[in-house]
Amino acid sequence: MKGLYAKARRGEVKHFTGISDPYDIPSDPDITICTSSHSLQHNSDQILSWLNRRAPLKKAAP
């Protein structure tokens, strides 16, 4: 939904994580992605690799 953050900042959306409610950093995350020092492609590959190790993804039909 476009404009959701703006609405939350104006108080129109209650209990919005990171705006009106705190963001709780996970104490033991399953995966950590460094978005400031790696490319989108690298991070996407890292996520897909992690997902594939946990539950192998099916290849798309031709």
PDB file of N, CA and C in Angstrom:
ATOM      1  N   MET A   1       0.852  -1.174   0.000  1.00  0.00           N
ATOM      2  CA  MET A   1       0.000   0.000   0.000  1.00  0.00           C
ATOM      3  C   MET A   1       0.895   1.234   0.000  1.00  0.00           C
ATOM      4  N   LYS A   2       0.743   2.061  -0.985  1.00  0.00           N
ATOM      5  CA  LYS A   2       1.550   3.273  -1.082  1.00  0.00           C
ATOM      6  C   LYS A   2       1.155   4.258   0.005  1.00  0.00           C
ATOM      7  N   GLY A   3       2.167   4.936   0.522  1.00  0.00           N
ATOM      8  CA  GLY A   3       1.906   5.974   1.508  1.00  0.00           C
ATOM      9  C   GLY A   3       1.693   5.477   2.921  1.00  0.00           C
ATOM     10  N   LEU A   4       1.938   4.204   3.161  1.00  0.00           N
ATOM     11  CA  LEU A   4       1.691   3.641   4.484  1.00  0.00           C
ATOM     12  C   LEU A   4       2.582   4.280   5.544  1.00  0.00           C
ATOM     13  N   TYR A   5       3.864   4.485   5.229  1.00  0.00           N
ATOM     14  CA  TYR A   5       4.772   5.104   6.198  1.00  0.00           C
ATOM     15  C   TYR A   5       4.348   6.541   6.491  1.00  0.00           C
ATOM     16  N   ALA A   6       3.950   7.275   5.465  1.00  0.00           N
ATOM     17  CA  ALA A   6       3.496   8.654   5.662  1.00  0.00           C
ATOM     18  C   ALA A   6       2.259   8.681   6.551  1.00  0.00           C
ATOM     19  N   LYS A   7       1.337   7.766   6.321  1.00  0.00           N
ATOM     20  CA  LYS A   7       0.137   7.697   7.153  1.00  0.00           C
ATOM     21  C   LYS A   7       0.494   7.357   8.595  1.00  0.00           C
ATOM     22  N   ALA A   8       1.441   6.451   8.772  1.00  0.00           N
ATOM     23  CA  ALA A   8       1.862   6.073  10.124  1.00  0.00           C
ATOM     24  C   ALA A   8       2.499   7.260  10.832  1.00  0.00           C
ATOM     25  N   ARG A   9       3.307   8.031  10.122  1.00  0.00           N
ATOM     26  CA  ARG A   9       3.948   9.208  10.725  1.00  0.00           C
ATOM     27  C   ARG A   9       2.929  10.274  11.102  1.00  0.00           C
ATOM     28  N   ARG A  10       1.842  10.345  10.366  1.00  0.00           N
ATOM     29  CA  ARG A  10       0.771  11.299  10.695  1.00  0.00           C
ATOM     30  C   ARG A  10      -0.145  10.767  11.792  1.00  0.00           C
ATOM     31  N   GLY A  11       0.078   9.539  12.225  1.00  0.00           N
ATOM     32  CA  GLY A  11      -0.742   8.951  13.277  1.00  0.00           C
ATOM     33  C   GLY A  11      -2.004   8.285  12.781  1.00  0.00           C
ATOM     34  N   GLU A  12      -2.129   8.122  11.475  1.00  0.00           N
ATOM     35  CA  GLU A  12      -3.328   7.519  10.901  1.00  0.00           C
ATOM     36  C   GLU A  12      -3.290   5.995  10.955  1.00  0.00           C
ATOM     37  N   VAL A  13      -2.106   5.425  11.142  1.00  0.00           N
ATOM     38  CA  VAL A  13      -1.953   3.978  11.267  1.00  0.00           C
ATOM     39  C   VAL A  13      -1.362   3.714  12.643  1.00  0.00           C
ATOM     40  N   LYS A  14      -2.071   3.005  13.467  1.00  0.00           N
ATOM     41  CA  LYS A  14      -1.624   2.713  14.831  1.00  0.00           C
ATOM     42  C   LYS A  14      -0.780   1.443  14.860  1.00  0.00           C
ATOM     43  N   HIS A  15       0.085   1.355  15.849  1.00  0.00           N
ATOM     44  CA  HIS A  15       0.913   0.162  16.093  1.00  0.00           C
ATOM     45  C   HIS A  15       1.756  -0.210  14.875  1.00  0.00           C
ATOM     46  N   PHE A  16       2.377   0.774  14.263  1.00  0.00           N
ATOM     47  CA  PHE A  16       3.205   0.563  13.073  1.00  0.00           C
ATOM     48  C   PHE A  16       4.649   0.365  13.519  1.00  0.00           C
ATOM     49  N   THR A  17       5.188  -0.815  13.259  1.00  0.00           N
ATOM     50  CA  THR A  17       6.542  -1.151  13.693  1.00  0.00           C
ATOM     51  C   THR A  17       7.556  -0.159  13.134  1.00  0.00           C
ATOM     52  N   GLY A  18       8.377   0.376  14.021  1.00  0.00           N
ATOM     53  CA  GLY A  18       9.413   1.318  13.627  1.00  0.00           C
ATOM     54  C   GLY A  18       8.960   2.763  13.622  1.00  0.00           C
ATOM     55  N   ILE A  19       7.661   2.998  13.725  1.00  0.00           N
ATOM     56  CA  ILE A  19       7.130   4.361  13.775  1.00  0.00           C
ATOM     57  C   ILE A  19       6.484   4.596  15.138  1.00  0.00           C
ATOM     58  N   SER A  20       5.327   4.007  15.375  1.00  0.00           N
ATOM     59  CA  SER A  20       4.648   4.181  16.661  1.00  0.00           C
ATOM     60  C   SER A  20       4.906   3.027  17.619  1.00  0.00           C
ATOM     61  N   ASP A  21       5.372   1.912  17.106  1.00  0.00           N
ATOM     62  CA  ASP A  21       5.765   0.762  17.934  1.00  0.00           C
ATOM     63  C   ASP A  21       7.249   0.499  17.707  1.00  0.00           C
ATOM     64  N   PRO A  22       7.932  -0.008  18.723  1.00  0.00           N
ATOM     65  CA  PRO A  22       9.371  -0.255  18.565  1.00  0.00           C
ATOM     66  C   PRO A  22       9.649  -1.426  17.629  1.00  0.00           C
ATOM     67  N   TYR A  23      10.833  -1.393  17.045  1.00  0.00           N
ATOM     68  CA  TYR A  23      11.322  -2.518  16.253  1.00  0.00           C
ATOM     69  C   TYR A  23      12.225  -3.323  17.166  1.00  0.00           C
ATOM     70  N   ASP A  24      11.891  -4.569  17.388  1.00  0.00           N
ATOM     71  CA  ASP A  24      12.690  -5.443  18.241  1.00  0.00           C
ATOM     72  C   ASP A  24      13.654  -6.237  17.371  1.00  0.00           C
ATOM     73  N   ILE A  25      14.943  -6.010  17.585  1.00  0.00           N
ATOM     74  CA  ILE A  25      15.962  -6.735  16.832  1.00  0.00           C
ATOM     75  C   ILE A  25      15.953  -8.188  17.276  1.00  0.00           C
ATOM     76  N   PRO A  26      15.881  -9.129  16.336  1.00  0.00           N
ATOM     77  CA  PRO A  26      15.877 -10.550  16.703  1.00  0.00           C
ATOM     78  C   PRO A  26      17.161 -10.919  17.450  1.00  0.00           C
ATOM     79  N   SER A  27      17.029 -11.697  18.507  1.00  0.00           N
ATOM     80  CA  SER A  27      18.204 -12.096  19.284  1.00  0.00           C
ATOM     81  C   SER A  27      18.989 -13.205  18.588  1.00  0.00           C
ATOM     82  N   ASP A  28      18.332 -13.999  17.773  1.00  0.00           N
ATOM     83  CA  ASP A  28      18.998 -15.108  17.087  1.00  0.00           C
ATOM     84  C   ASP A  28      18.402 -15.261  15.681  1.00  0.00           C
ATOM     85  N   PRO A  29      18.731 -14.331  14.761  1.00  0.00           N
ATOM     86  CA  PRO A  29      18.122 -14.388  13.426  1.00  0.00           C
ATOM     87  C   PRO A  29      18.585 -15.605  12.635  1.00  0.00           C
ATOM     88  N   ASP A  30      17.720 -16.103  11.781  1.00  0.00           N
ATOM     89  CA  ASP A  30      18.058 -17.237  10.919  1.00  0.00           C
ATOM     90  C   ASP A  30      19.041 -16.835   9.828  1.00  0.00           C
ATOM     91  N   ILE A  31      18.930 -15.599   9.369  1.00  0.00           N
ATOM     92  CA  ILE A  31      19.812 -15.103   8.309  1.00  0.00           C
ATOM     93  C   ILE A  31      20.019 -13.613   8.529  1.00  0.00           C
ATOM     94  N   THR A  32      21.208 -13.144   8.199  1.00  0.00           N
ATOM     95  CA  THR A  32      21.532 -11.723   8.300  1.00  0.00           C
ATOM     96  C   THR A  32      22.050 -11.264   6.946  1.00  0.00           C
ATOM     97  N   ILE A  33      21.508 -10.170   6.449  1.00  0.00           N
ATOM     98  CA  ILE A  33      21.880  -9.633   5.148  1.00  0.00           C
ATOM     99  C   ILE A  33      22.454  -8.234   5.350  1.00  0.00           C
ATOM    100  N   CYS A  34      23.616  -7.987   4.784  1.00  0.00           N
ATOM    101  CA  CYS A  34      24.256  -6.674   4.898  1.00  0.00           C
ATOM    102  C   CYS A  34      23.936  -5.863   3.641  1.00  0.00           C
ATOM    103  N   THR A  35      22.930  -5.019   3.736  1.00  0.00           N
ATOM    104  CA  THR A  35      22.482  -4.271   2.562  1.00  0.00           C
ATOM    105  C   THR A  35      23.374  -3.083   2.229  1.00  0.00           C
ATOM    106  N   SER A  36      24.201  -2.645   3.178  1.00  0.00           N
ATOM    107  CA  SER A  36      25.043  -1.473   2.915  1.00  0.00           C
ATOM    108  C   SER A  36      26.346  -1.821   2.203  1.00  0.00           C
ATOM    109  N   SER A  37      26.779  -3.072   2.276  1.00  0.00           N
ATOM    110  CA  SER A  37      28.069  -3.405   1.666  1.00  0.00           C
ATOM    111  C   SER A  37      27.990  -4.474   0.574  1.00  0.00           C
ATOM    112  N   HIS A  38      26.798  -4.992   0.302  1.00  0.00           N
ATOM    113  CA  HIS A  38      26.643  -5.989  -0.755  1.00  0.00           C
ATOM    114  C   HIS A  38      25.563  -5.538  -1.729  1.00  0.00           C
ATOM    115  N   SER A  39      25.670  -6.034  -2.947  1.00  0.00           N
ATOM    116  CA  SER A  39      24.708  -5.669  -3.989  1.00  0.00           C
ATOM    117  C   SER A  39      23.375  -6.389  -3.780  1.00  0.00           C
ATOM    118  N   LEU A  40      22.374  -5.884  -4.451  1.00  0.00           N
ATOM    119  CA  LEU A  40      21.062  -6.524  -4.427  1.00  0.00           C
ATOM    120  C   LEU A  40      21.169  -7.956  -4.937  1.00  0.00           C
ATOM    121  N   GLN A  41      21.932  -8.155  -6.011  1.00  0.00           N
ATOM    122  CA  GLN A  41      22.096  -9.496  -6.573  1.00  0.00           C
ATOM    123  C   GLN A  41      22.746 -10.432  -5.563  1.00  0.00           C
ATOM    124  N   HIS A  42      23.809  -9.980  -4.912  1.00  0.00           N
ATOM    125  CA  HIS A  42      24.498 -10.808  -3.912  1.00  0.00           C
ATOM    126  C   HIS A  42      23.542 -11.183  -2.779  1.00  0.00           C
ATOM    127  N   ASN A  43      22.815 -10.199  -2.280  1.00  0.00           N
ATOM    128  CA  ASN A  43      21.895 -10.463  -1.173  1.00  0.00           C
ATOM    129  C   ASN A  43      20.756 -11.381  -1.595  1.00  0.00           C
ATOM    130  N   SER A  44      20.248 -11.187  -2.806  1.00  0.00           N
ATOM    131  CA  SER A  44      19.191 -12.070  -3.316  1.00  0.00           C
ATOM    132  C   SER A  44      19.696 -13.501  -3.422  1.00  0.00           C
ATOM    133  N   ASP A  45      20.914 -13.653  -3.947  1.00  0.00           N
ATOM    134  CA  ASP A  45      21.510 -14.988  -4.057  1.00  0.00           C
ATOM    135  C   ASP A  45      21.683 -15.623  -2.684  1.00  0.00           C
ATOM    136  N   GLN A  46      22.106 -14.823  -1.712  1.00  0.00           N
ATOM    137  CA  GLN A  46      22.308 -15.327  -0.354  1.00  0.00           C
ATOM    138  C   GLN A  46      20.983 -15.812   0.249  1.00  0.00           C
ATOM    139  N   ILE A  47      19.922 -15.048   0.052  1.00  0.00           N
ATOM    140  CA  ILE A  47      18.605 -15.428   0.581  1.00  0.00           C
ATOM    141  C   ILE A  47      18.100 -16.698  -0.103  1.00  0.00           C
ATOM    142  N   LEU A  48      18.194 -16.743  -1.436  1.00  0.00           N
ATOM    143  CA  LEU A  48      17.725 -17.926  -2.162  1.00  0.00           C
ATOM    144  C   LEU A  48      18.519 -19.168  -1.786  1.00  0.00           C
ATOM    145  N   SER A  49      19.811 -19.015  -1.596  1.00  0.00           N
ATOM    146  CA  SER A  49      20.647 -20.137  -1.178  1.00  0.00           C
ATOM    147  C   SER A  49      20.224 -20.639   0.198  1.00  0.00           C
ATOM    148  N   TRP A  50      19.983 -19.723   1.107  1.00  0.00           N
ATOM    149  CA  TRP A  50      19.540 -20.088   2.459  1.00  0.00           C
ATOM    150  C   TRP A  50      18.193 -20.806   2.405  1.00  0.00           C
ATOM    151  N   LEU A  51      17.263 -20.260   1.620  1.00  0.00           N
ATOM    152  CA  LEU A  51      15.948 -20.894   1.486  1.00  0.00           C
ATOM    153  C   LEU A  51      16.072 -22.294   0.895  1.00  0.00           C
ATOM    154  N   ASN A  52      16.912 -22.438  -0.107  1.00  0.00           N
ATOM    155  CA  ASN A  52      17.074 -23.726  -0.781  1.00  0.00           C
ATOM    156  C   ASN A  52      17.681 -24.777   0.154  1.00  0.00           C
ATOM    157  N   ARG A  53      18.552 -24.357   1.053  1.00  0.00           N
ATOM    158  CA  ARG A  53      19.121 -25.300   2.025  1.00  0.00           C
ATOM    159  C   ARG A  53      18.063 -25.751   3.029  1.00  0.00           C
ATOM    160  N   ARG A  54      17.158 -24.867   3.383  1.00  0.00           N
ATOM    161  CA  ARG A  54      16.121 -25.201   4.367  1.00  0.00           C
ATOM    162  C   ARG A  54      14.992 -26.011   3.757  1.00  0.00           C
ATOM    163  N   ALA A  55      14.572 -25.634   2.590  1.00  0.00           N
ATOM    164  CA  ALA A  55      13.473 -26.323   1.897  1.00  0.00           C
ATOM    165  C   ALA A  55      13.702 -26.129   0.404  1.00  0.00           C
ATOM    166  N   PRO A  56      14.298 -27.104  -0.262  1.00  0.00           N
ATOM    167  CA  PRO A  56      14.640 -26.949  -1.677  1.00  0.00           C
ATOM    168  C   PRO A  56      13.465 -26.436  -2.509  1.00  0.00           C
ATOM    169  N   LEU A  57      13.772 -25.432  -3.314  1.00  0.00           N
ATOM    170  CA  LEU A  57      12.757 -24.819  -4.158  1.00  0.00           C
ATOM    171  C   LEU A  57      12.580 -25.636  -5.432  1.00  0.00           C
ATOM    172  N   LYS A  58      11.346 -25.737  -5.892  1.00  0.00           N
ATOM    173  CA  LYS A  58      11.070 -26.455  -7.136  1.00  0.00           C
ATOM    174  C   LYS A  58      11.378 -25.544  -8.309  1.00  0.00           C
ATOM    175  N   LYS A  59      11.923 -26.120  -9.358  1.00  0.00           N
ATOM    176  CA  LYS A  59      12.202 -25.344 -10.565  1.00  0.00           C
ATOM    177  C   LYS A  59      10.891 -25.091 -11.302  1.00  0.00           C
ATOM    178  N   ALA A  60      10.810 -23.943 -11.937  1.00  0.00           N
ATOM    179  CA  ALA A  60       9.612 -23.587 -12.694  1.00  0.00           C
ATOM    180  C   ALA A  60       9.471 -24.506 -13.901  1.00  0.00           C
ATOM    181  N   ALA A  61       8.250 -24.806 -14.252  1.00  0.00           N
ATOM    182  CA  ALA A  61       7.980 -25.632 -15.429  1.00  0.00           C
ATOM    183  C   ALA A  61       8.366 -24.855 -16.681  1.00  0.00           C
ATOM    184  N   PRO A  62       8.876 -25.549 -17.714  1.00  0.00           N
ATOM    185  CA  PRO A  62       9.286 -24.856 -18.962  1.00  0.00           C
ATOM    186  C   PRO A  62       8.115 -24.268 -19.713  1.00  0.00           C
TER     187      PRO A  62
END
